[in-house]
Amino acid sequence: MSSLKLRLQEEGIESTMLDDLVHDAASRRASAINNDGMSSQLEYLEQCGVSDQEIADELGVSL
């Protein structure tokens, strides 16, 4: 267990108290991916397990 995790637990910090920080970090990552363009977006979606068909369906495009 990391020393930070132990210290936070000692202070009574619960995982829900990190929710906003996690959300902000994920939002920054999403913004960077979006700013990098379609190739990065598609690569990210593939890594997340989103299929080509799901993408096409969401965008109203037939494959």
PDB file of N, CA and C in Angstrom:
ATOM      1  N   MET A   1       0.850  -1.170   0.000  1.00  0.00           N
ATOM      2  CA  MET A   1       0.000   0.000   0.000  1.00  0.00           C
ATOM      3  C   MET A   1       0.899   1.237   0.000  1.00  0.00           C
ATOM      4  N   SER A   2       0.518   2.225  -0.813  1.00  0.00           N
ATOM      5  CA  SER A   2       1.356   3.418  -0.911  1.00  0.00           C
ATOM      6  C   SER A   2       1.329   4.216   0.387  1.00  0.00           C
ATOM      7  N   SER A   3       2.395   4.968   0.590  1.00  0.00           N
ATOM      8  CA  SER A   3       2.455   5.792   1.801  1.00  0.00           C
ATOM      9  C   SER A   3       1.380   6.874   1.769  1.00  0.00           C
ATOM     10  N   LEU A   4       1.059   7.391   0.589  1.00  0.00           N
ATOM     11  CA  LEU A   4      -0.002   8.393   0.495  1.00  0.00           C
ATOM     12  C   LEU A   4      -1.338   7.792   0.905  1.00  0.00           C
ATOM     13  N   LYS A   5      -1.634   6.592   0.414  1.00  0.00           N
ATOM     14  CA  LYS A   5      -2.900   5.949   0.761  1.00  0.00           C
ATOM     15  C   LYS A   5      -2.979   5.723   2.270  1.00  0.00           C
ATOM     16  N   LEU A   6      -1.919   5.230   2.844  1.00  0.00           N
ATOM     17  CA  LEU A   6      -1.905   5.015   4.295  1.00  0.00           C
ATOM     18  C   LEU A   6      -2.139   6.323   5.050  1.00  0.00           C
ATOM     19  N   ARG A   7      -1.462   7.386   4.606  1.00  0.00           N
ATOM     20  CA  ARG A   7      -1.596   8.688   5.269  1.00  0.00           C
ATOM     21  C   ARG A   7      -3.023   9.207   5.156  1.00  0.00           C
ATOM     22  N   LEU A   8      -3.610   9.075   3.981  1.00  0.00           N
ATOM     23  CA  LEU A   8      -4.989   9.535   3.790  1.00  0.00           C
ATOM     24  C   LEU A   8      -5.954   8.744   4.674  1.00  0.00           C
ATOM     25  N   GLN A   9      -5.735   7.438   4.748  1.00  0.00           N
ATOM     26  CA  GLN A   9      -6.587   6.607   5.602  1.00  0.00           C
ATOM     27  C   GLN A   9      -6.437   6.999   7.068  1.00  0.00           C
ATOM     28  N   GLU A  10      -5.215   7.302   7.483  1.00  0.00           N
ATOM     29  CA  GLU A  10      -4.987   7.747   8.861  1.00  0.00           C
ATOM     30  C   GLU A  10      -5.756   9.038   9.164  1.00  0.00           C
ATOM     31  N   GLU A  11      -5.919   9.871   8.152  1.00  0.00           N
ATOM     32  CA  GLU A  11      -6.625  11.145   8.304  1.00  0.00           C
ATOM     33  C   GLU A  11      -8.137  11.003   8.137  1.00  0.00           C
ATOM     34  N   GLY A  12      -8.591   9.766   7.884  1.00  0.00           N
ATOM     35  CA  GLY A  12     -10.022   9.530   7.738  1.00  0.00           C
ATOM     36  C   GLY A  12     -10.577   9.881   6.364  1.00  0.00           C
ATOM     37  N   ILE A  13      -9.692  10.022   5.395  1.00  0.00           N
ATOM     38  CA  ILE A  13     -10.120  10.336   4.032  1.00  0.00           C
ATOM     39  C   ILE A  13     -10.730   9.073   3.412  1.00  0.00           C
ATOM     40  N   GLU A  14     -11.893   9.235   2.791  1.00  0.00           N
ATOM     41  CA  GLU A  14     -12.568   8.127   2.114  1.00  0.00           C
ATOM     42  C   GLU A  14     -12.487   8.333   0.614  1.00  0.00           C
ATOM     43  N   SER A  15     -12.660   7.254  -0.127  1.00  0.00           N
ATOM     44  CA  SER A  15     -12.507   7.321  -1.586  1.00  0.00           C
ATOM     45  C   SER A  15     -13.460   8.335  -2.217  1.00  0.00           C
ATOM     46  N   THR A  16     -14.650   8.494  -1.666  1.00  0.00           N
ATOM     47  CA  THR A  16     -15.599   9.450  -2.245  1.00  0.00           C
ATOM     48  C   THR A  16     -15.083  10.879  -2.187  1.00  0.00           C
ATOM     49  N   MET A  17     -14.153  11.137  -1.286  1.00  0.00           N
ATOM     50  CA  MET A  17     -13.598  12.480  -1.158  1.00  0.00           C
ATOM     51  C   MET A  17     -12.625  12.794  -2.304  1.00  0.00           C
ATOM     52  N   LEU A  18     -12.248  11.783  -3.064  1.00  0.00           N
ATOM     53  CA  LEU A  18     -11.375  11.963  -4.223  1.00  0.00           C
ATOM     54  C   LEU A  18     -12.153  12.058  -5.530  1.00  0.00           C
ATOM     55  N   ASP A  19     -13.468  11.892  -5.470  1.00  0.00           N
ATOM     56  CA  ASP A  19     -14.283  11.839  -6.684  1.00  0.00           C
ATOM     57  C   ASP A  19     -14.074  13.041  -7.603  1.00  0.00           C
ATOM     58  N   ASP A  20     -14.129  14.247  -7.064  1.00  0.00           N
ATOM     59  CA  ASP A  20     -13.989  15.437  -7.903  1.00  0.00           C
ATOM     60  C   ASP A  20     -12.606  15.518  -8.541  1.00  0.00           C
ATOM     61  N   LEU A  21     -11.584  15.142  -7.795  1.00  0.00           N
ATOM     62  CA  LEU A  21     -10.223  15.164  -8.331  1.00  0.00           C
ATOM     63  C   LEU A  21     -10.078  14.169  -9.477  1.00  0.00           C
ATOM     64  N   VAL A  22     -10.642  12.983  -9.306  1.00  0.00           N
ATOM     65  CA  VAL A  22     -10.599  11.965 -10.363  1.00  0.00           C
ATOM     66  C   VAL A  22     -11.358  12.467 -11.591  1.00  0.00           C
ATOM     67  N   HIS A  23     -12.519  13.050 -11.364  1.00  0.00           N
ATOM     68  CA  HIS A  23     -13.318  13.581 -12.471  1.00  0.00           C
ATOM     69  C   HIS A  23     -12.548  14.657 -13.227  1.00  0.00           C
ATOM     70  N   ASP A  24     -11.906  15.564 -12.510  1.00  0.00           N
ATOM     71  CA  ASP A  24     -11.136  16.633 -13.152  1.00  0.00           C
ATOM     72  C   ASP A  24      -9.969  16.069 -13.968  1.00  0.00           C
ATOM     73  N   ALA A  25      -9.281  15.083 -13.414  1.00  0.00           N
ATOM     74  CA  ALA A  25      -8.151  14.469 -14.124  1.00  0.00           C
ATOM     75  C   ALA A  25      -8.635  13.768 -15.394  1.00  0.00           C
ATOM     76  N   ALA A  26      -9.755  13.061 -15.307  1.00  0.00           N
ATOM     77  CA  ALA A  26     -10.311  12.372 -16.475  1.00  0.00           C
ATOM     78  C   ALA A  26     -10.758  13.383 -17.527  1.00  0.00           C
ATOM     79  N   SER A  27     -11.312  14.489 -17.087  1.00  0.00           N
ATOM     80  CA  SER A  27     -11.751  15.528 -18.014  1.00  0.00           C
ATOM     81  C   SER A  27     -10.555  16.136 -18.757  1.00  0.00           C
ATOM     82  N   ARG A  28      -9.461  16.353 -18.052  1.00  0.00           N
ATOM     83  CA  ARG A  28      -8.255  16.876 -18.706  1.00  0.00           C
ATOM     84  C   ARG A  28      -7.738  15.889 -19.738  1.00  0.00           C
ATOM     85  N   ARG A  29      -7.766  14.612 -19.404  1.00  0.00           N
ATOM     86  CA  ARG A  29      -7.319  13.580 -20.359  1.00  0.00           C
ATOM     87  C   ARG A  29      -8.221  13.558 -21.572  1.00  0.00           C
ATOM     88  N   ALA A  30      -9.532  13.602 -21.356  1.00  0.00           N
ATOM     89  CA  ALA A  30     -10.481  13.604 -22.472  1.00  0.00           C
ATOM     90  C   ALA A  30     -10.272  14.821 -23.354  1.00  0.00           C
ATOM     91  N   SER A  31     -10.036  15.962 -22.757  1.00  0.00           N
ATOM     92  CA  SER A  31      -9.802  17.179 -23.524  1.00  0.00           C
ATOM     93  C   SER A  31      -8.561  17.046 -24.400  1.00  0.00           C
ATOM     94  N   ALA A  32      -7.500  16.499 -23.842  1.00  0.00           N
ATOM     95  CA  ALA A  32      -6.265  16.314 -24.601  1.00  0.00           C
ATOM     96  C   ALA A  32      -6.491  15.350 -25.770  1.00  0.00           C
ATOM     97  N   ILE A  33      -7.213  14.276 -25.520  1.00  0.00           N
ATOM     98  CA  ILE A  33      -7.513  13.305 -26.582  1.00  0.00           C
ATOM     99  C   ILE A  33      -8.329  13.982 -27.678  1.00  0.00           C
ATOM    100  N   ASN A  34      -9.351  14.718 -27.287  1.00  0.00           N
ATOM    101  CA  ASN A  34     -10.181  15.411 -28.271  1.00  0.00           C
ATOM    102  C   ASN A  34      -9.376  16.433 -29.067  1.00  0.00           C
ATOM    103  N   ASN A  35      -8.481  17.153 -28.407  1.00  0.00           N
ATOM    104  CA  ASN A  35      -7.654  18.150 -29.088  1.00  0.00           C
ATOM    105  C   ASN A  35      -6.670  17.524 -30.060  1.00  0.00           C
ATOM    106  N   ASP A  36      -6.303  16.268 -29.830  1.00  0.00           N
ATOM    107  CA  ASP A  36      -5.372  15.575 -30.726  1.00  0.00           C
ATOM    108  C   ASP A  36      -6.036  15.094 -32.010  1.00  0.00           C
ATOM    109  N   GLY A  37      -7.354  15.130 -32.073  1.00  0.00           N
ATOM    110  CA  GLY A  37      -8.049  14.802 -33.314  1.00  0.00           C
ATOM    111  C   GLY A  37      -8.614  13.393 -33.367  1.00  0.00           C
ATOM    112  N   MET A  38      -9.179  13.102 -34.535  1.00  0.00           N
ATOM    113  CA  MET A  38      -9.944  11.877 -34.721  1.00  0.00           C
ATOM    114  C   MET A  38      -9.136  10.606 -34.489  1.00  0.00           C
ATOM    115  N   SER A  39      -7.895  10.580 -34.942  1.00  0.00           N
ATOM    116  CA  SER A  39      -7.087   9.359 -34.753  1.00  0.00           C
ATOM    117  C   SER A  39      -6.940   9.034 -33.272  1.00  0.00           C
ATOM    118  N   SER A  40      -6.634  10.044 -32.472  1.00  0.00           N
ATOM    119  CA  SER A  40      -6.499   9.836 -31.026  1.00  0.00           C
ATOM    120  C   SER A  40      -7.830   9.446 -30.395  1.00  0.00           C
ATOM    121  N   GLN A  41      -8.898  10.082 -30.848  1.00  0.00           N
ATOM    122  CA  GLN A  41     -10.219   9.758 -30.318  1.00  0.00           C
ATOM    123  C   GLN A  41     -10.582   8.303 -30.603  1.00  0.00           C
ATOM    124  N   LEU A  42     -10.366   7.881 -31.845  1.00  0.00           N
ATOM    125  CA  LEU A  42     -10.709   6.507 -32.213  1.00  0.00           C
ATOM    126  C   LEU A  42      -9.821   5.497 -31.483  1.00  0.00           C
ATOM    127  N   GLU A  43      -8.546   5.822 -31.337  1.00  0.00           N
ATOM    128  CA  GLU A  43      -7.639   4.943 -30.598  1.00  0.00           C
ATOM    129  C   GLU A  43      -8.097   4.794 -29.152  1.00  0.00           C
ATOM    130  N   TYR A  44      -8.472   5.902 -28.538  1.00  0.00           N
ATOM    131  CA  TYR A  44      -8.948   5.869 -27.153  1.00  0.00           C
ATOM    132  C   TYR A  44     -10.223   5.045 -27.036  1.00  0.00           C
ATOM    133  N   LEU A  45     -11.160   5.281 -27.926  1.00  0.00           N
ATOM    134  CA  LEU A  45     -12.415   4.528 -27.880  1.00  0.00           C
ATOM    135  C   LEU A  45     -12.166   3.033 -28.054  1.00  0.00           C
ATOM    136  N   GLU A  46     -11.244   2.682 -28.951  1.00  0.00           N
ATOM    137  CA  GLU A  46     -10.892   1.267 -29.135  1.00  0.00           C
ATOM    138  C   GLU A  46     -10.310   0.688 -27.852  1.00  0.00           C
ATOM    139  N   GLN A  47      -9.415   1.439 -27.199  1.00  0.00           N
ATOM    140  CA  GLN A  47      -8.811   0.978 -25.942  1.00  0.00           C
ATOM    141  C   GLN A  47      -9.873   0.779 -24.862  1.00  0.00           C
ATOM    142  N   CYS A  48     -10.952   1.547 -24.948  1.00  0.00           N
ATOM    143  CA  CYS A  48     -12.044   1.440 -23.975  1.00  0.00           C
ATOM    144  C   CYS A  48     -13.031   0.337 -24.340  1.00  0.00           C
ATOM    145  N   GLY A  49     -12.784  -0.344 -25.445  1.00  0.00           N
ATOM    146  CA  GLY A  49     -13.640  -1.452 -25.837  1.00  0.00           C
ATOM    147  C   GLY A  49     -14.870  -1.044 -26.635  1.00  0.00           C
ATOM    148  N   VAL A  50     -14.868   0.179 -27.154  1.00  0.00           N
ATOM    149  CA  VAL A  50     -15.990   0.638 -27.973  1.00  0.00           C
ATOM    150  C   VAL A  50     -15.755   0.122 -29.395  1.00  0.00           C
ATOM    151  N   SER A  51     -16.732  -0.583 -29.929  1.00  0.00           N
ATOM    152  CA  SER A  51     -16.579  -1.183 -31.256  1.00  0.00           C
ATOM    153  C   SER A  51     -16.814  -0.159 -32.364  1.00  0.00           C
ATOM    154  N   ASP A  52     -16.306  -0.496 -33.554  1.00  0.00           N
ATOM    155  CA  ASP A  52     -16.557   0.348 -34.722  1.00  0.00           C
ATOM    156  C   ASP A  52     -18.058   0.509 -34.946  1.00  0.00           C
ATOM    157  N   GLN A  53     -18.792  -0.563 -34.740  1.00  0.00           N
ATOM    158  CA  GLN A  53     -20.243  -0.514 -34.955  1.00  0.00           C
ATOM    159  C   GLN A  53     -20.910   0.439 -33.970  1.00  0.00           C
ATOM    160  N   GLU A  54     -20.476   0.404 -32.719  1.00  0.00           N
ATOM    161  CA  GLU A  54     -21.044   1.331 -31.727  1.00  0.00           C
ATOM    162  C   GLU A  54     -20.778   2.784 -32.108  1.00  0.00           C
ATOM    163  N   ILE A  55     -19.570   3.044 -32.585  1.00  0.00           N
ATOM    164  CA  ILE A  55     -19.222   4.405 -33.001  1.00  0.00           C
ATOM    165  C   ILE A  55     -20.097   4.824 -34.172  1.00  0.00           C
ATOM    166  N   ALA A  56     -20.196   3.953 -35.163  1.00  0.00           N
ATOM    167  CA  ALA A  56     -20.999   4.252 -36.338  1.00  0.00           C
ATOM    168  C   ALA A  56     -22.460   4.482 -35.955  1.00  0.00           C
ATOM    169  N   ASP A  57     -22.990   3.633 -35.094  1.00  0.00           N
ATOM    170  CA  ASP A  57     -24.375   3.770 -34.653  1.00  0.00           C
ATOM    171  C   ASP A  57     -24.597   5.101 -33.943  1.00  0.00           C
ATOM    172  N   GLU A  58     -23.671   5.475 -33.086  1.00  0.00           N
ATOM    173  CA  GLU A  58     -23.781   6.735 -32.340  1.00  0.00           C
ATOM    174  C   GLU A  58     -23.798   7.936 -33.279  1.00  0.00           C
ATOM    175  N   LEU A  59     -23.043   7.820 -34.373  1.00  0.00           N
ATOM    176  CA  LEU A  59     -22.916   8.937 -35.312  1.00  0.00           C
ATOM    177  C   LEU A  59     -23.907   8.854 -36.465  1.00  0.00           C
ATOM    178  N   GLY A  60     -24.719   7.797 -36.491  1.00  0.00           N
ATOM    179  CA  GLY A  60     -25.697   7.643 -37.575  1.00  0.00           C
ATOM    180  C   GLY A  60     -25.077   7.326 -38.906  1.00  0.00           C
ATOM    181  N   VAL A  61     -23.957   6.571 -38.867  1.00  0.00           N
ATOM    182  CA  VAL A  61     -23.244   6.192 -40.090  1.00  0.00           C
ATOM    183  C   VAL A  61     -23.349   4.690 -40.254  1.00  0.00           C
ATOM    184  N   SER A  62     -23.595   4.253 -41.477  1.00  0.00           N
ATOM    185  CA  SER A  62     -23.644   2.805 -41.702  1.00  0.00           C
ATOM    186  C   SER A  62     -22.263   2.311 -42.138  1.00  0.00           C
ATOM    187  N   LEU A  63     -21.937   1.111 -41.684  1.00  0.00           N
ATOM    188  CA  LEU A  63     -20.646   0.500 -42.053  1.00  0.00           C
ATOM    189  C   LEU A  63     -20.864  -0.518 -43.149  1.00  0.00           C
TER     190      LEU A  63
END
